Amino acid sequence: MHAMQYAVTLPADYDTDLIRARVSRVGHRLDGWAGLGLKAYLLRERGVHGSPVDQYAPFYLWNTVEGMNAFLWGGPFQGLSDDFGRPVVRQWTGLAYEEGVAAGAPARFAVRHRRPVPDGVEYAQVAREAADEAGRLAREDGAVLAAAAVDTSRWETVHFSLWEHPDPGAVRGGGDLFQVLHVSAPGRPVLPGGQQW
């Protein structure tokens, strides 16, 4: 499993309803994308749920590198880049994936936590703790799913979770809360569960 996200920070006076309309118009195009586990079309709005910015920031869980590369190098990513400029695309190697206790519910909110991996720690312990945290999040009331991944170029872990409601407990500790506009999940049933090593 591979995790990926890019963020388009919008001008303060940008009408975020244009993003909603865009997702409504083109979001279905990835509903059958080969190699995609899921894509959550995410939006933060300045002043809503504590967000300091207006930002469109889709998050992906990929089953295959081929699917990810087809998206980036020959697919819909070109249209986004043409419209908004080329964003930095963050990528993380998967550590864990868990279906949540509300797995059948529609995802309405997403939480992203990024944490640095400190110097001098045992890497196996960091990976185990990240996987355990994904499991803990998945067992919380309202959790649709939870994933953990690591970026070894920045030595940073990320936890990504989808929720049927905005859960203040999931945001504690510096997490970012997003509204979910749409979820494309053609390969969600085959995302590998549990820890990824």
N, C-alpha and C. Protein backbone atom coordinates (compact mmCIF):
# COMPACT_ATOMS: atom_id res chain seq x y z
N MET A 1 0.85 -1.18 0.00
CA MET A 1 0.00 0.00 0.00
C MET A 1 0.89 1.24 0.00
N HIS A 2 0.50 2.21 -0.78
CA HIS A 2 1.19 3.49 -0.85
C HIS A 2 0.17 4.58 -0.57
N ALA A 3 0.57 5.58 0.21
CA ALA A 3 -0.28 6.73 0.50
C ALA A 3 0.26 7.92 -0.26
N MET A 4 -0.63 8.81 -0.66
CA MET A 4 -0.23 9.97 -1.45
C MET A 4 -1.18 11.12 -1.15
N GLN A 5 -0.65 12.33 -1.13
CA GLN A 5 -1.50 13.52 -0.97
C GLN A 5 -0.79 14.72 -1.58
N TYR A 6 -1.58 15.58 -2.17
CA TYR A 6 -1.11 16.90 -2.58
C TYR A 6 -2.13 17.89 -2.06
N ALA A 7 -1.69 19.13 -1.90
CA ALA A 7 -2.58 20.16 -1.38
C ALA A 7 -2.50 21.39 -2.27
N VAL A 8 -3.67 21.92 -2.60
CA VAL A 8 -3.77 23.17 -3.35
C VAL A 8 -4.36 24.19 -2.37
N THR A 9 -3.50 25.08 -1.88
CA THR A 9 -3.98 26.13 -0.98
C THR A 9 -4.55 27.24 -1.83
N LEU A 10 -5.77 27.60 -1.53
CA LEU A 10 -6.53 28.54 -2.37
C LEU A 10 -6.45 29.95 -1.81
N PRO A 11 -6.59 30.96 -2.65
CA PRO A 11 -6.60 32.34 -2.16
C PRO A 11 -7.76 32.55 -1.17
N ALA A 12 -7.58 33.48 -0.26
CA ALA A 12 -8.58 33.73 0.79
C ALA A 12 -9.95 34.07 0.23
N ASP A 13 -10.00 34.69 -0.94
CA ASP A 13 -11.29 35.09 -1.50
C ASP A 13 -11.82 34.06 -2.51
N TYR A 14 -11.21 32.88 -2.59
CA TYR A 14 -11.63 31.85 -3.55
C TYR A 14 -12.97 31.25 -3.11
N ASP A 15 -13.86 31.09 -4.03
CA ASP A 15 -15.17 30.50 -3.75
C ASP A 15 -15.02 28.98 -3.71
N THR A 16 -15.03 28.40 -2.50
CA THR A 16 -14.81 26.96 -2.37
C THR A 16 -15.96 26.13 -2.97
N ASP A 17 -17.08 26.77 -3.27
CA ASP A 17 -18.14 26.05 -3.97
C ASP A 17 -17.68 25.63 -5.37
N LEU A 18 -16.68 26.33 -5.91
CA LEU A 18 -16.12 25.92 -7.20
C LEU A 18 -15.41 24.57 -7.08
N ILE A 19 -14.77 24.31 -5.95
CA ILE A 19 -14.12 23.02 -5.71
C ILE A 19 -15.19 21.93 -5.58
N ARG A 20 -16.24 22.24 -4.83
CA ARG A 20 -17.34 21.28 -4.69
C ARG A 20 -17.93 20.93 -6.06
N ALA A 21 -18.12 21.93 -6.90
CA ALA A 21 -18.68 21.70 -8.24
C ALA A 21 -17.71 20.88 -9.09
N ARG A 22 -16.42 21.16 -8.97
CA ARG A 22 -15.41 20.41 -9.72
C ARG A 22 -15.45 18.94 -9.33
N VAL A 23 -15.46 18.67 -8.03
CA VAL A 23 -15.49 17.28 -7.55
C VAL A 23 -16.78 16.60 -8.00
N SER A 24 -17.88 17.30 -7.94
CA SER A 24 -19.15 16.74 -8.39
C SER A 24 -19.10 16.40 -9.88
N ARG A 25 -18.39 17.21 -10.63
CA ARG A 25 -18.30 17.03 -12.08
C ARG A 25 -17.32 15.92 -12.48
N VAL A 26 -16.17 15.81 -11.79
CA VAL A 26 -15.13 14.88 -12.25
C VAL A 26 -14.77 13.78 -11.25
N GLY A 27 -15.29 13.84 -10.04
CA GLY A 27 -14.90 12.87 -9.01
C GLY A 27 -15.16 11.43 -9.38
N HIS A 28 -16.21 11.18 -10.12
CA HIS A 28 -16.57 9.80 -10.49
C HIS A 28 -15.54 9.16 -11.42
N ARG A 29 -14.69 9.96 -12.04
CA ARG A 29 -13.74 9.42 -13.03
C ARG A 29 -12.76 8.42 -12.42
N LEU A 30 -12.54 8.47 -11.11
CA LEU A 30 -11.63 7.52 -10.48
C LEU A 30 -12.37 6.38 -9.79
N ASP A 31 -13.68 6.33 -9.91
CA ASP A 31 -14.46 5.28 -9.24
C ASP A 31 -14.10 3.88 -9.72
N GLY A 32 -13.45 3.76 -10.87
CA GLY A 32 -13.03 2.46 -11.37
C GLY A 32 -11.55 2.39 -11.72
N TRP A 33 -10.75 3.31 -11.18
CA TRP A 33 -9.33 3.41 -11.57
C TRP A 33 -8.55 2.18 -11.11
N ALA A 34 -7.89 1.52 -12.04
CA ALA A 34 -7.10 0.32 -11.71
C ALA A 34 -5.96 0.67 -10.76
N GLY A 35 -5.81 -0.12 -9.71
CA GLY A 35 -4.72 0.07 -8.76
C GLY A 35 -5.03 1.01 -7.62
N LEU A 36 -6.16 1.73 -7.69
CA LEU A 36 -6.52 2.66 -6.63
C LEU A 36 -7.28 1.93 -5.54
N GLY A 37 -6.79 2.04 -4.31
CA GLY A 37 -7.55 1.55 -3.17
C GLY A 37 -8.67 2.51 -2.88
N LEU A 38 -8.28 3.76 -2.59
CA LEU A 38 -9.30 4.80 -2.42
C LEU A 38 -8.69 6.18 -2.58
N LYS A 39 -9.54 7.09 -2.98
CA LYS A 39 -9.22 8.52 -3.02
C LYS A 39 -10.32 9.24 -2.28
N ALA A 40 -9.92 10.02 -1.29
CA ALA A 40 -10.87 10.88 -0.56
C ALA A 40 -10.63 12.30 -1.04
N TYR A 41 -11.66 12.90 -1.61
CA TYR A 41 -11.60 14.27 -2.12
C TYR A 41 -11.85 15.18 -0.91
N LEU A 42 -10.83 15.90 -0.47
CA LEU A 42 -10.88 16.61 0.81
C LEU A 42 -10.80 18.12 0.63
N LEU A 43 -11.51 18.82 1.52
CA LEU A 43 -11.53 20.28 1.50
C LEU A 43 -11.46 20.80 2.93
N ARG A 44 -10.62 21.81 3.13
CA ARG A 44 -10.62 22.59 4.38
C ARG A 44 -11.01 24.00 4.01
N GLU A 45 -11.80 24.63 4.89
CA GLU A 45 -12.21 26.02 4.67
C GLU A 45 -11.79 26.86 5.86
N ARG A 46 -11.21 28.00 5.55
CA ARG A 46 -10.74 28.92 6.59
C ARG A 46 -11.87 29.20 7.59
N GLY A 47 -11.55 29.00 8.88
CA GLY A 47 -12.49 29.28 9.95
C GLY A 47 -13.51 28.19 10.23
N VAL A 48 -13.50 27.12 9.43
CA VAL A 48 -14.43 26.01 9.64
C VAL A 48 -13.64 24.87 10.29
N HIS A 49 -14.10 24.39 11.41
CA HIS A 49 -13.42 23.33 12.17
C HIS A 49 -11.95 23.69 12.45
N GLY A 50 -11.70 24.96 12.67
CA GLY A 50 -10.36 25.40 13.06
C GLY A 50 -9.34 25.51 11.95
N SER A 51 -9.76 25.41 10.71
CA SER A 51 -8.80 25.49 9.61
C SER A 51 -8.30 26.92 9.41
N PRO A 52 -6.97 27.08 9.26
CA PRO A 52 -6.43 28.42 8.99
C PRO A 52 -6.44 28.79 7.50
N VAL A 53 -6.78 27.81 6.62
CA VAL A 53 -6.68 28.04 5.18
C VAL A 53 -7.86 27.43 4.44
N ASP A 54 -8.05 27.89 3.21
CA ASP A 54 -8.90 27.22 2.24
C ASP A 54 -7.97 26.31 1.44
N GLN A 55 -8.28 25.01 1.40
CA GLN A 55 -7.35 24.07 0.79
C GLN A 55 -8.09 22.84 0.26
N TYR A 56 -7.75 22.49 -0.97
CA TYR A 56 -8.20 21.24 -1.58
C TYR A 56 -7.04 20.27 -1.48
N ALA A 57 -7.25 19.11 -0.83
CA ALA A 57 -6.12 18.22 -0.53
C ALA A 57 -6.52 16.76 -0.58
N PRO A 58 -6.74 16.19 -1.75
CA PRO A 58 -7.13 14.78 -1.84
C PRO A 58 -6.07 13.85 -1.25
N PHE A 59 -6.54 12.76 -0.65
CA PHE A 59 -5.65 11.75 -0.06
C PHE A 59 -5.95 10.42 -0.73
N TYR A 60 -4.88 9.68 -1.06
CA TYR A 60 -5.00 8.43 -1.80
C TYR A 60 -4.36 7.29 -1.04
N LEU A 61 -4.95 6.12 -1.14
CA LEU A 61 -4.30 4.87 -0.75
C LEU A 61 -4.29 4.00 -2.00
N TRP A 62 -3.08 3.64 -2.45
CA TRP A 62 -2.91 2.90 -3.69
C TRP A 62 -2.59 1.45 -3.39
N ASN A 63 -3.19 0.55 -4.16
CA ASN A 63 -2.86 -0.86 -4.11
C ASN A 63 -1.64 -1.18 -4.97
N THR A 64 -1.45 -0.39 -6.04
CA THR A 64 -0.32 -0.66 -6.93
C THR A 64 0.39 0.64 -7.31
N VAL A 65 1.69 0.52 -7.49
CA VAL A 65 2.49 1.65 -7.98
C VAL A 65 2.10 1.96 -9.42
N GLU A 66 1.75 0.94 -10.18
CA GLU A 66 1.36 1.15 -11.58
C GLU A 66 0.13 2.04 -11.67
N GLY A 67 -0.84 1.80 -10.81
CA GLY A 67 -2.04 2.65 -10.81
C GLY A 67 -1.72 4.09 -10.45
N MET A 68 -0.84 4.26 -9.44
CA MET A 68 -0.43 5.59 -9.03
C MET A 68 0.30 6.30 -10.16
N ASN A 69 1.23 5.59 -10.80
CA ASN A 69 1.98 6.20 -11.89
C ASN A 69 1.09 6.54 -13.08
N ALA A 70 0.13 5.68 -13.38
CA ALA A 70 -0.80 5.98 -14.48
C ALA A 70 -1.59 7.24 -14.18
N PHE A 71 -1.96 7.42 -12.90
CA PHE A 71 -2.68 8.63 -12.51
C PHE A 71 -1.80 9.87 -12.65
N LEU A 72 -0.57 9.78 -12.15
CA LEU A 72 0.32 10.95 -12.14
C LEU A 72 0.85 11.30 -13.53
N TRP A 73 1.19 10.29 -14.33
CA TRP A 73 1.91 10.52 -15.57
C TRP A 73 1.05 10.43 -16.82
N GLY A 74 -0.18 9.96 -16.70
CA GLY A 74 -0.97 9.85 -17.90
C GLY A 74 -2.45 10.02 -17.65
N GLY A 75 -2.77 10.55 -16.48
CA GLY A 75 -4.18 10.59 -16.12
C GLY A 75 -4.66 11.94 -15.66
N PRO A 76 -5.65 11.92 -14.78
CA PRO A 76 -6.35 13.13 -14.35
C PRO A 76 -5.48 14.16 -13.62
N PHE A 77 -4.33 13.76 -13.12
CA PHE A 77 -3.47 14.73 -12.42
C PHE A 77 -3.06 15.87 -13.34
N GLN A 78 -2.94 15.59 -14.63
CA GLN A 78 -2.57 16.64 -15.58
C GLN A 78 -3.59 17.77 -15.58
N GLY A 79 -4.87 17.42 -15.52
CA GLY A 79 -5.92 18.44 -15.51
C GLY A 79 -5.85 19.32 -14.29
N LEU A 80 -5.60 18.72 -13.12
CA LEU A 80 -5.47 19.52 -11.90
C LEU A 80 -4.27 20.46 -12.02
N SER A 81 -3.14 19.94 -12.51
CA SER A 81 -1.94 20.77 -12.67
C SER A 81 -2.17 21.90 -13.67
N ASP A 82 -2.88 21.61 -14.74
CA ASP A 82 -3.18 22.65 -15.72
C ASP A 82 -4.04 23.75 -15.12
N ASP A 83 -4.96 23.38 -14.24
CA ASP A 83 -5.90 24.36 -13.67
C ASP A 83 -5.33 25.12 -12.47
N PHE A 84 -4.52 24.46 -11.64
CA PHE A 84 -4.07 25.08 -10.39
C PHE A 84 -2.55 25.21 -10.26
N GLY A 85 -1.80 24.74 -11.22
CA GLY A 85 -0.35 24.68 -11.09
C GLY A 85 0.04 23.33 -10.50
N ARG A 86 1.29 22.95 -10.71
CA ARG A 86 1.75 21.63 -10.27
C ARG A 86 2.04 21.64 -8.77
N PRO A 87 1.27 20.91 -7.97
CA PRO A 87 1.54 20.87 -6.54
C PRO A 87 2.63 19.85 -6.20
N VAL A 88 3.22 19.99 -5.04
CA VAL A 88 4.12 18.97 -4.51
C VAL A 88 3.25 17.77 -4.14
N VAL A 89 3.67 16.59 -4.56
CA VAL A 89 2.93 15.36 -4.27
C VAL A 89 3.70 14.59 -3.20
N ARG A 90 3.13 14.51 -2.02
CA ARG A 90 3.74 13.75 -0.91
C ARG A 90 3.40 12.28 -1.07
N GLN A 91 4.38 11.41 -0.77
CA GLN A 91 4.16 9.97 -0.84
C GLN A 91 4.72 9.31 0.41
N TRP A 92 3.97 8.33 0.90
CA TRP A 92 4.37 7.58 2.08
C TRP A 92 4.24 6.09 1.78
N THR A 93 5.11 5.29 2.38
CA THR A 93 5.02 3.83 2.28
C THR A 93 4.07 3.34 3.36
N GLY A 94 3.15 2.47 2.99
CA GLY A 94 2.14 2.00 3.93
C GLY A 94 2.71 1.18 5.07
N LEU A 95 2.21 1.43 6.27
CA LEU A 95 2.56 0.65 7.46
C LEU A 95 1.38 -0.18 7.95
N ALA A 96 0.15 0.35 7.84
CA ALA A 96 -1.02 -0.38 8.34
C ALA A 96 -2.29 0.18 7.73
N TYR A 97 -3.28 -0.68 7.62
CA TYR A 97 -4.60 -0.28 7.16
C TYR A 97 -5.63 -1.08 7.95
N GLU A 98 -6.67 -0.40 8.43
CA GLU A 98 -7.74 -1.06 9.18
C GLU A 98 -9.09 -0.48 8.78
N GLU A 99 -10.05 -1.35 8.54
CA GLU A 99 -11.44 -0.92 8.38
C GLU A 99 -11.96 -0.50 9.75
N GLY A 100 -12.78 0.54 9.79
CA GLY A 100 -13.29 1.05 11.05
C GLY A 100 -14.57 0.38 11.51
N VAL A 101 -14.96 0.71 12.73
CA VAL A 101 -16.20 0.15 13.28
C VAL A 101 -17.42 0.65 12.52
N ALA A 102 -17.29 1.75 11.80
CA ALA A 102 -18.39 2.30 10.99
C ALA A 102 -18.05 2.16 9.50
N ALA A 103 -17.41 1.05 9.14
CA ALA A 103 -16.90 0.86 7.78
C ALA A 103 -17.97 1.02 6.70
N GLY A 104 -19.22 0.69 7.00
CA GLY A 104 -20.27 0.80 6.01
C GLY A 104 -20.91 2.17 5.90
N ALA A 105 -20.54 3.09 6.79
CA ALA A 105 -21.13 4.43 6.80
C ALA A 105 -20.44 5.33 5.77
N PRO A 106 -21.16 6.34 5.28
CA PRO A 106 -20.50 7.29 4.38
C PRO A 106 -19.49 8.14 5.15
N ALA A 107 -18.33 8.34 4.55
CA ALA A 107 -17.29 9.18 5.17
C ALA A 107 -17.64 10.65 4.93
N ARG A 108 -17.71 11.41 6.00
CA ARG A 108 -18.04 12.83 5.91
C ARG A 108 -16.85 13.72 6.29
N PHE A 109 -15.93 13.17 7.11
CA PHE A 109 -14.77 13.93 7.56
C PHE A 109 -13.53 13.05 7.51
N ALA A 110 -12.38 13.70 7.38
CA ALA A 110 -11.10 13.01 7.38
C ALA A 110 -10.17 13.74 8.34
N VAL A 111 -9.29 12.98 8.97
CA VAL A 111 -8.28 13.55 9.86
C VAL A 111 -6.91 13.05 9.39
N ARG A 112 -5.96 13.99 9.32
CA ARG A 112 -4.58 13.66 8.98
C ARG A 112 -3.68 14.14 10.11
N HIS A 113 -2.88 13.21 10.64
CA HIS A 113 -1.86 13.54 11.65
C HIS A 113 -0.50 13.23 11.04
N ARG A 114 0.39 14.20 11.04
CA ARG A 114 1.77 13.97 10.62
C ARG A 114 2.67 14.17 11.82
N ARG A 115 3.61 13.24 12.02
CA ARG A 115 4.51 13.32 13.17
C ARG A 115 5.92 12.98 12.74
N PRO A 116 6.91 13.75 13.21
CA PRO A 116 8.29 13.40 12.89
C PRO A 116 8.72 12.14 13.64
N VAL A 117 9.59 11.37 13.01
CA VAL A 117 10.21 10.23 13.67
C VAL A 117 11.49 10.77 14.32
N PRO A 118 11.58 10.75 15.65
CA PRO A 118 12.75 11.34 16.32
C PRO A 118 14.04 10.57 16.03
N ASP A 119 15.15 11.26 16.11
CA ASP A 119 16.46 10.60 16.01
C ASP A 119 16.64 9.64 17.18
N GLY A 120 17.37 8.59 16.94
CA GLY A 120 17.76 7.68 18.01
C GLY A 120 16.72 6.67 18.44
N VAL A 121 15.58 6.59 17.74
CA VAL A 121 14.54 5.63 18.12
C VAL A 121 14.76 4.32 17.38
N GLU A 122 14.16 3.27 17.88
CA GLU A 122 14.18 1.98 17.20
C GLU A 122 13.08 2.00 16.14
N TYR A 123 13.47 1.84 14.88
CA TYR A 123 12.51 1.97 13.78
C TYR A 123 11.38 0.95 13.87
N ALA A 124 11.71 -0.28 14.28
CA ALA A 124 10.66 -1.30 14.40
C ALA A 124 9.61 -0.88 15.41
N GLN A 125 10.02 -0.24 16.47
CA GLN A 125 9.07 0.22 17.48
C GLN A 125 8.18 1.33 16.93
N VAL A 126 8.79 2.26 16.18
CA VAL A 126 8.01 3.34 15.56
C VAL A 126 6.95 2.75 14.63
N ALA A 127 7.34 1.77 13.81
CA ALA A 127 6.39 1.15 12.88
C ALA A 127 5.28 0.42 13.63
N ARG A 128 5.63 -0.31 14.68
CA ARG A 128 4.61 -1.01 15.47
C ARG A 128 3.64 -0.03 16.12
N GLU A 129 4.19 1.05 16.69
CA GLU A 129 3.33 2.05 17.34
C GLU A 129 2.40 2.73 16.32
N ALA A 130 2.92 2.99 15.12
CA ALA A 130 2.08 3.60 14.08
C ALA A 130 0.96 2.64 13.68
N ALA A 131 1.28 1.36 13.52
CA ALA A 131 0.26 0.37 13.17
C ALA A 131 -0.76 0.22 14.29
N ASP A 132 -0.29 0.20 15.53
CA ASP A 132 -1.20 0.11 16.68
C ASP A 132 -2.15 1.31 16.73
N GLU A 133 -1.62 2.50 16.43
CA GLU A 133 -2.45 3.71 16.45
C GLU A 133 -3.53 3.64 15.36
N ALA A 134 -3.18 3.10 14.19
CA ALA A 134 -4.20 2.94 13.14
C ALA A 134 -5.30 2.01 13.64
N GLY A 135 -4.93 0.95 14.32
CA GLY A 135 -5.93 0.04 14.87
C GLY A 135 -6.79 0.70 15.93
N ARG A 136 -6.16 1.50 16.79
CA ARG A 136 -6.91 2.20 17.83
C ARG A 136 -7.91 3.18 17.21
N LEU A 137 -7.46 3.95 16.21
CA LEU A 137 -8.36 4.89 15.55
C LEU A 137 -9.54 4.16 14.91
N ALA A 138 -9.27 3.02 14.28
CA ALA A 138 -10.33 2.28 13.59
C ALA A 138 -11.39 1.76 14.56
N ARG A 139 -11.02 1.59 15.83
CA ARG A 139 -11.98 1.09 16.82
C ARG A 139 -12.79 2.20 17.49
N GLU A 140 -12.49 3.47 17.19
CA GLU A 140 -13.23 4.57 17.80
C GLU A 140 -14.60 4.73 17.13
N ASP A 141 -15.56 5.19 17.92
CA ASP A 141 -16.91 5.41 17.43
C ASP A 141 -16.90 6.34 16.22
N GLY A 142 -17.53 5.91 15.15
CA GLY A 142 -17.64 6.74 13.95
C GLY A 142 -16.51 6.57 12.95
N ALA A 143 -15.51 5.73 13.26
CA ALA A 143 -14.38 5.54 12.35
C ALA A 143 -14.80 4.68 11.16
N VAL A 144 -14.56 5.17 9.96
CA VAL A 144 -14.83 4.41 8.74
C VAL A 144 -13.61 3.58 8.37
N LEU A 145 -12.42 4.16 8.49
CA LEU A 145 -11.17 3.45 8.24
C LEU A 145 -10.01 4.25 8.82
N ALA A 146 -8.86 3.60 8.94
CA ALA A 146 -7.65 4.29 9.40
C ALA A 146 -6.44 3.65 8.73
N ALA A 147 -5.45 4.47 8.42
CA ALA A 147 -4.23 3.99 7.79
C ALA A 147 -3.03 4.71 8.41
N ALA A 148 -1.89 4.03 8.39
CA ALA A 148 -0.63 4.63 8.84
C ALA A 148 0.41 4.39 7.75
N ALA A 149 1.28 5.38 7.57
CA ALA A 149 2.33 5.28 6.56
C ALA A 149 3.53 6.11 7.00
N VAL A 150 4.66 5.92 6.30
CA VAL A 150 5.88 6.64 6.67
C VAL A 150 6.57 7.19 5.42
N ASP A 151 7.12 8.39 5.56
CA ASP A 151 7.94 9.02 4.53
C ASP A 151 9.37 9.01 5.07
N THR A 152 10.21 8.13 4.55
CA THR A 152 11.57 8.04 5.06
C THR A 152 12.49 9.11 4.50
N SER A 153 12.03 9.90 3.52
CA SER A 153 12.85 11.02 3.05
C SER A 153 12.78 12.18 4.04
N ARG A 154 11.69 12.24 4.81
CA ARG A 154 11.51 13.29 5.82
C ARG A 154 11.45 12.70 7.22
N TRP A 155 11.48 11.38 7.34
CA TRP A 155 11.32 10.69 8.62
C TRP A 155 10.10 11.24 9.34
N GLU A 156 8.95 10.94 8.71
CA GLU A 156 7.67 11.41 9.20
C GLU A 156 6.65 10.30 9.03
N THR A 157 5.83 10.09 10.07
CA THR A 157 4.70 9.18 9.92
C THR A 157 3.44 10.01 9.67
N VAL A 158 2.48 9.38 9.02
CA VAL A 158 1.18 10.01 8.81
C VAL A 158 0.11 9.00 9.19
N HIS A 159 -0.90 9.48 9.89
CA HIS A 159 -2.12 8.71 10.14
C HIS A 159 -3.24 9.41 9.41
N PHE A 160 -3.98 8.64 8.66
CA PHE A 160 -5.10 9.16 7.90
C PHE A 160 -6.32 8.35 8.29
N SER A 161 -7.41 9.03 8.62
CA SER A 161 -8.61 8.32 9.02
C SER A 161 -9.84 9.02 8.44
N LEU A 162 -10.84 8.22 8.11
CA LEU A 162 -12.12 8.73 7.63
C LEU A 162 -13.17 8.49 8.71
N TRP A 163 -14.13 9.45 8.83
CA TRP A 163 -15.12 9.43 9.90
C TRP A 163 -16.50 9.75 9.37
N GLU A 164 -17.51 9.19 10.02
CA GLU A 164 -18.87 9.54 9.65
C GLU A 164 -19.30 10.83 10.32
N HIS A 165 -18.53 11.33 11.27
CA HIS A 165 -18.81 12.60 11.96
C HIS A 165 -17.49 13.24 12.37
N PRO A 166 -17.48 14.55 12.60
CA PRO A 166 -16.23 15.18 13.05
C PRO A 166 -15.98 14.78 14.51
N ASP A 167 -14.92 14.02 14.74
CA ASP A 167 -14.65 13.52 16.08
C ASP A 167 -13.54 14.35 16.71
N PRO A 168 -13.84 15.18 17.69
CA PRO A 168 -12.82 16.01 18.29
C PRO A 168 -11.66 15.21 18.87
N GLY A 169 -11.92 14.01 19.37
CA GLY A 169 -10.85 13.19 19.91
C GLY A 169 -9.83 12.80 18.86
N ALA A 170 -10.26 12.61 17.63
CA ALA A 170 -9.35 12.22 16.55
C ALA A 170 -8.47 13.38 16.10
N VAL A 171 -8.88 14.61 16.40
CA VAL A 171 -8.13 15.77 15.96
C VAL A 171 -7.10 16.22 16.99
N ARG A 172 -7.26 15.78 18.23
CA ARG A 172 -6.30 16.17 19.27
C ARG A 172 -4.87 15.86 18.84
N GLY A 173 -3.94 16.64 19.29
CA GLY A 173 -2.55 16.38 18.98
C GLY A 173 -2.08 16.97 17.67
N GLY A 174 -2.77 17.97 17.17
CA GLY A 174 -2.28 18.67 15.98
C GLY A 174 -2.75 18.11 14.67
N GLY A 175 -3.80 17.32 14.66
CA GLY A 175 -4.31 16.80 13.40
C GLY A 175 -5.07 17.85 12.62
N ASP A 176 -5.20 17.61 11.33
CA ASP A 176 -5.96 18.49 10.43
C ASP A 176 -7.27 17.81 10.08
N LEU A 177 -8.37 18.55 10.20
CA LEU A 177 -9.71 18.03 9.89
C LEU A 177 -10.15 18.55 8.54
N PHE A 178 -10.63 17.64 7.70
CA PHE A 178 -11.09 17.97 6.36
C PHE A 178 -12.53 17.51 6.18
N GLN A 179 -13.26 18.20 5.32
CA GLN A 179 -14.57 17.72 4.85
C GLN A 179 -14.32 16.76 3.69
N VAL A 180 -15.07 15.68 3.65
CA VAL A 180 -14.97 14.72 2.54
C VAL A 180 -16.06 15.06 1.53
N LEU A 181 -15.65 15.38 0.30
CA LEU A 181 -16.59 15.73 -0.75
C LEU A 181 -17.06 14.51 -1.55
N HIS A 182 -16.18 13.54 -1.68
CA HIS A 182 -16.48 12.31 -2.45
C HIS A 182 -15.40 11.30 -2.10
N VAL A 183 -15.73 10.02 -2.20
CA VAL A 183 -14.74 8.95 -2.05
C VAL A 183 -14.86 8.03 -3.25
N SER A 184 -13.75 7.86 -3.96
CA SER A 184 -13.64 6.83 -5.00
C SER A 184 -12.89 5.67 -4.37
N ALA A 185 -13.47 4.49 -4.36
CA ALA A 185 -12.84 3.38 -3.63
C ALA A 185 -12.93 2.06 -4.39
N PRO A 186 -12.44 2.02 -5.64
CA PRO A 186 -12.59 0.78 -6.41
C PRO A 186 -11.82 -0.40 -5.82
N GLY A 187 -10.70 -0.15 -5.16
CA GLY A 187 -9.89 -1.23 -4.62
C GLY A 187 -9.87 -1.29 -3.11
N ARG A 188 -10.79 -0.61 -2.46
CA ARG A 188 -10.82 -0.64 -1.00
C ARG A 188 -10.97 -2.06 -0.45
N PRO A 189 -11.82 -2.91 -1.04
CA PRO A 189 -11.95 -4.26 -0.49
C PRO A 189 -10.67 -5.09 -0.51
N VAL A 190 -9.71 -4.71 -1.37
CA VAL A 190 -8.47 -5.49 -1.43
C VAL A 190 -7.26 -4.75 -0.85
N LEU A 191 -7.50 -3.59 -0.21
CA LEU A 191 -6.38 -2.96 0.52
C LEU A 191 -5.93 -3.94 1.59
N PRO A 192 -4.63 -4.20 1.69
CA PRO A 192 -4.17 -5.19 2.66
C PRO A 192 -4.39 -4.71 4.10
N GLY A 193 -5.13 -5.49 4.88
CA GLY A 193 -5.41 -5.12 6.26
C GLY A 193 -4.25 -5.43 7.19
N GLY A 194 -4.25 -4.76 8.33
CA GLY A 194 -3.22 -4.97 9.33
C GLY A 194 -1.91 -4.32 8.97
N GLN A 195 -0.86 -4.75 9.68
CA GLN A 195 0.45 -4.15 9.42
C GLN A 195 1.00 -4.64 8.09
N GLN A 196 1.84 -3.80 7.48
CA GLN A 196 2.31 -4.03 6.11
C GLN A 196 3.74 -4.56 6.04
N TRP A 197 4.20 -5.21 7.07
CA TRP A 197 5.55 -5.80 7.01
C TRP A 197 5.58 -7.11 7.72
